[in-house]
Amino acid sequence: ATDADAGVNGQVHYSLANFNNLFRITSNGSIYTAVKLNREVRDYYELIVEATDGAVDPRRSTLTLAIKVLDIDDNSPVFTNASYTVCVPENLPPGTVFLQLEAKDVDLGADVNYRIRTEEALQHFALNRHTGELSLRQSLDYESFSDTEATFTFLVEAFDSKGTMPPGLATVTVRVK
């Protein structure tokens, strides 16, 4: 802002009429964030900037500055359940889908992919990397288990294929009946 008056009457002072806890303005009118902004909480602000002169009865001018908060990859995918338990009858044919996993990533443009993290589970189960469908690689035989539980427990993960954050994890327990 400029003021054509001479001396103190022409000195311009800046202030923010709102969001003083989030933004700050310097004596030359530069605006900075005062805290880290989180797009997932709020992605747009209308900041009201006021310029006043140094007169005894100051003149004022305001403008509204639109601020759009851009997204960064700062969230890991999160499964809808921390653990899944499913009962599967023995002798189902290979390829049978028996569980649908789902994870969400609140970052914009996230491409959530899935994989089985526990190596031993890969011989029995397949996880569709794009859909989260868990299926059988081979038929399961109840009598082949030495314990009476007849269960498999393993870890699955969801990750953003375009991101850098650690994967989200969930536990899957498959009970063979």
Protein backbone atom coordinates (compact mmCIF):
# COMPACT_ATOMS: atom_id res chain seq x y z
CA ALA A 1 0.00 0.00 0.00
CA THR A 2 1.11 3.55 -0.57
CA ASP A 3 0.07 6.86 0.99
CA ALA A 4 0.88 10.17 -0.72
CA ASP A 5 0.86 12.20 2.54
CA ALA A 6 4.17 13.52 3.85
CA GLY A 7 5.88 12.42 7.08
CA VAL A 8 4.15 10.32 9.71
CA ASN A 9 0.80 10.79 7.95
CA GLY A 10 2.17 8.88 4.96
CA GLN A 11 3.69 5.96 6.85
CA VAL A 12 1.82 2.73 6.16
CA HIS A 13 1.28 0.11 8.89
CA TYR A 14 -0.05 -3.37 8.18
CA SER A 15 -2.16 -5.67 10.29
CA LEU A 16 -4.27 -8.78 9.91
CA ALA A 17 -7.94 -8.56 10.79
CA ASN A 18 -8.33 -12.35 11.12
CA PHE A 19 -6.30 -15.55 11.53
CA ASN A 20 -3.64 -13.77 13.62
CA ASN A 21 -2.89 -17.10 15.27
CA LEU A 22 -2.00 -18.68 11.90
CA PHE A 23 -0.39 -15.87 9.89
CA ARG A 24 1.76 -12.83 10.59
CA ILE A 25 2.52 -9.71 8.59
CA THR A 26 5.72 -7.67 8.68
CA SER A 27 6.19 -3.92 8.55
CA ASN A 28 6.84 -4.13 4.79
CA GLY A 29 3.63 -6.11 4.13
CA SER A 30 5.19 -9.57 3.75
CA ILE A 31 2.90 -12.33 5.02
CA TYR A 32 4.19 -15.54 6.62
CA THR A 33 2.67 -18.55 8.31
CA ALA A 34 3.01 -18.49 12.08
CA VAL A 35 2.34 -22.23 12.44
CA LYS A 36 2.38 -25.29 10.19
CA LEU A 37 -0.80 -25.48 8.13
CA ASN A 38 -2.57 -28.79 7.53
CA ARG A 39 -4.53 -29.11 4.29
CA GLU A 40 -6.45 -32.07 5.67
CA VAL A 41 -7.85 -29.81 8.41
CA ARG A 42 -8.44 -26.73 6.26
CA ASP A 43 -7.39 -26.04 2.68
CA TYR A 44 -8.52 -22.43 2.12
CA TYR A 45 -8.37 -19.14 4.01
CA GLU A 46 -9.59 -15.64 3.23
CA LEU A 47 -7.14 -13.41 5.03
CA ILE A 48 -8.21 -9.79 5.60
CA VAL A 49 -5.21 -7.44 5.43
CA GLU A 50 -5.55 -3.87 6.67
CA ALA A 51 -3.24 -0.98 5.83
CA THR A 52 -3.44 2.19 7.93
CA ASP A 53 -1.50 5.44 7.74
CA GLY A 54 0.20 7.16 10.68
CA ALA A 55 -2.22 10.09 10.98
CA VAL A 56 -3.94 10.98 14.28
CA ASP A 57 -7.21 10.03 12.59
CA PRO A 58 -5.83 7.16 10.45
CA ARG A 59 -7.15 6.29 7.03
CA ARG A 60 -7.65 2.58 6.32
CA SER A 61 -7.73 0.28 3.37
CA THR A 62 -8.42 -3.46 3.40
CA LEU A 63 -8.08 -6.29 0.97
CA THR A 64 -9.03 -9.94 1.12
CA LEU A 65 -6.24 -12.34 0.26
CA ALA A 66 -7.26 -15.84 -0.83
CA ILE A 67 -4.84 -18.47 0.46
CA LYS A 68 -5.02 -22.02 -0.86
CA VAL A 69 -3.09 -24.62 1.15
CA LEU A 70 -1.34 -27.12 -1.10
CA ASP A 71 -1.12 -30.80 -0.21
CA ILE A 72 2.03 -32.71 0.63
CA ASP A 73 2.40 -36.42 1.30
CA ASP A 74 2.25 -36.33 5.09
CA ASN A 75 -0.18 -39.17 5.88
CA SER A 76 0.11 -42.94 5.74
CA PRO A 77 -2.81 -45.04 4.55
CA VAL A 78 -5.00 -46.32 7.39
CA PHE A 79 -6.94 -49.58 7.23
CA THR A 80 -10.64 -49.42 8.12
CA ASN A 81 -9.89 -52.16 10.70
CA ALA A 82 -6.65 -52.68 12.61
CA SER A 83 -7.30 -56.42 12.43
CA TYR A 84 -9.51 -58.67 10.35
CA THR A 85 -10.72 -62.15 11.31
CA VAL A 86 -12.44 -64.34 8.77
CA CYS A 87 -13.60 -67.98 8.76
CA VAL A 88 -12.95 -69.88 5.54
CA PRO A 89 -14.33 -73.37 4.86
CA GLU A 90 -11.72 -75.92 3.85
CA ASN A 91 -11.40 -77.08 0.23
CA LEU A 92 -12.43 -73.78 -1.39
CA PRO A 93 -10.95 -73.60 -4.89
CA PRO A 94 -7.81 -71.52 -5.53
CA GLY A 95 -8.65 -67.97 -6.58
CA THR A 96 -11.64 -67.68 -4.23
CA VAL A 97 -11.86 -64.15 -2.82
CA PHE A 98 -12.75 -64.35 0.87
CA LEU A 99 -11.96 -60.88 2.27
CA GLN A 100 -12.03 -57.29 1.03
CA LEU A 101 -9.42 -55.06 2.70
CA GLU A 102 -9.72 -51.30 2.57
CA ALA A 103 -7.39 -48.48 3.54
CA LYS A 104 -7.75 -44.74 3.06
CA ASP A 105 -5.08 -42.08 2.59
CA VAL A 106 -6.32 -38.52 3.17
CA ASP A 107 -3.57 -36.98 1.03
CA LEU A 108 -4.77 -35.73 -2.36
CA GLY A 109 -3.96 -37.99 -5.29
CA ALA A 110 -2.94 -40.91 -3.09
CA ASP A 111 -2.77 -44.24 -4.92
CA VAL A 112 -3.32 -46.85 -2.21
CA ASN A 113 -1.83 -50.27 -2.97
CA TYR A 114 -1.86 -53.44 -0.89
CA ARG A 115 0.54 -56.30 -0.21
CA ILE A 116 1.05 -59.19 2.17
CA ARG A 117 3.95 -58.41 4.46
CA THR A 118 4.39 -61.83 6.08
CA GLU A 119 6.41 -64.01 3.69
CA GLU A 120 5.02 -67.35 4.95
CA ALA A 121 1.46 -66.30 4.06
CA LEU A 122 2.34 -65.80 0.38
CA GLN A 123 2.23 -69.53 -0.35
CA HIS A 124 -1.42 -69.72 0.74
CA PHE A 125 -2.87 -66.27 0.01
CA ALA A 126 -2.82 -63.60 -2.71
CA LEU A 127 -3.70 -59.95 -2.23
CA ASN A 128 -4.79 -57.87 -5.22
CA ARG A 129 -2.49 -54.89 -5.05
CA HIS A 130 -5.10 -52.47 -6.44
CA THR A 131 -8.43 -53.69 -5.06
CA GLY A 132 -7.47 -55.14 -1.67
CA GLU A 133 -9.19 -58.46 -2.43
CA LEU A 134 -7.63 -61.32 -0.48
CA SER A 135 -7.90 -64.71 -2.16
CA LEU A 136 -6.63 -68.28 -1.90
CA ARG A 137 -3.56 -69.41 -3.84
CA GLN A 138 -4.35 -73.00 -2.93
CA SER A 139 -7.13 -74.94 -1.20
CA LEU A 140 -6.84 -75.11 2.56
CA ASP A 141 -7.16 -78.47 4.33
CA TYR A 142 -8.37 -78.39 7.93
CA GLU A 143 -6.80 -81.77 8.74
CA SER A 144 -3.33 -80.57 7.70
CA PHE A 145 -3.07 -78.34 10.80
CA SER A 146 -1.30 -79.79 13.80
CA ASP A 147 -3.08 -77.49 16.25
CA THR A 148 -6.80 -77.44 16.92
CA GLU A 149 -7.08 -73.77 15.96
CA ALA A 150 -6.34 -74.22 12.24
CA THR A 151 -5.51 -70.54 11.78
CA PHE A 152 -3.15 -68.35 9.80
CA THR A 153 -2.26 -64.91 11.16
CA PHE A 154 -0.26 -62.49 9.04
CA LEU A 155 0.40 -58.81 8.37
CA VAL A 156 -0.83 -56.85 5.39
CA GLU A 157 0.18 -53.34 4.44
CA ALA A 158 -1.30 -50.45 2.50
CA PHE A 159 1.01 -47.91 0.93
CA ASP A 160 0.75 -44.89 -1.34
CA SER A 161 2.58 -45.89 -4.53
CA LYS A 162 3.38 -42.22 -5.22
CA GLY A 163 4.15 -41.30 -1.61
CA THR A 164 6.99 -41.48 0.84
CA MET A 165 5.19 -42.14 4.12
CA PRO A 166 5.45 -45.52 5.89
CA PRO A 167 2.75 -48.08 5.07
CA GLY A 168 -0.33 -48.65 7.15
CA LEU A 169 -0.51 -52.10 8.75
CA ALA A 170 -3.28 -54.51 9.69
CA THR A 171 -3.39 -58.09 10.97
CA VAL A 172 -5.41 -60.76 9.17
CA THR A 173 -6.44 -63.97 10.92
CA VAL A 174 -7.86 -66.72 8.71
CA ARG A 175 -9.64 -69.55 10.53
CA VAL A 176 -10.07 -72.72 8.49
CA LYS A 177 -13.31 -74.62 9.18
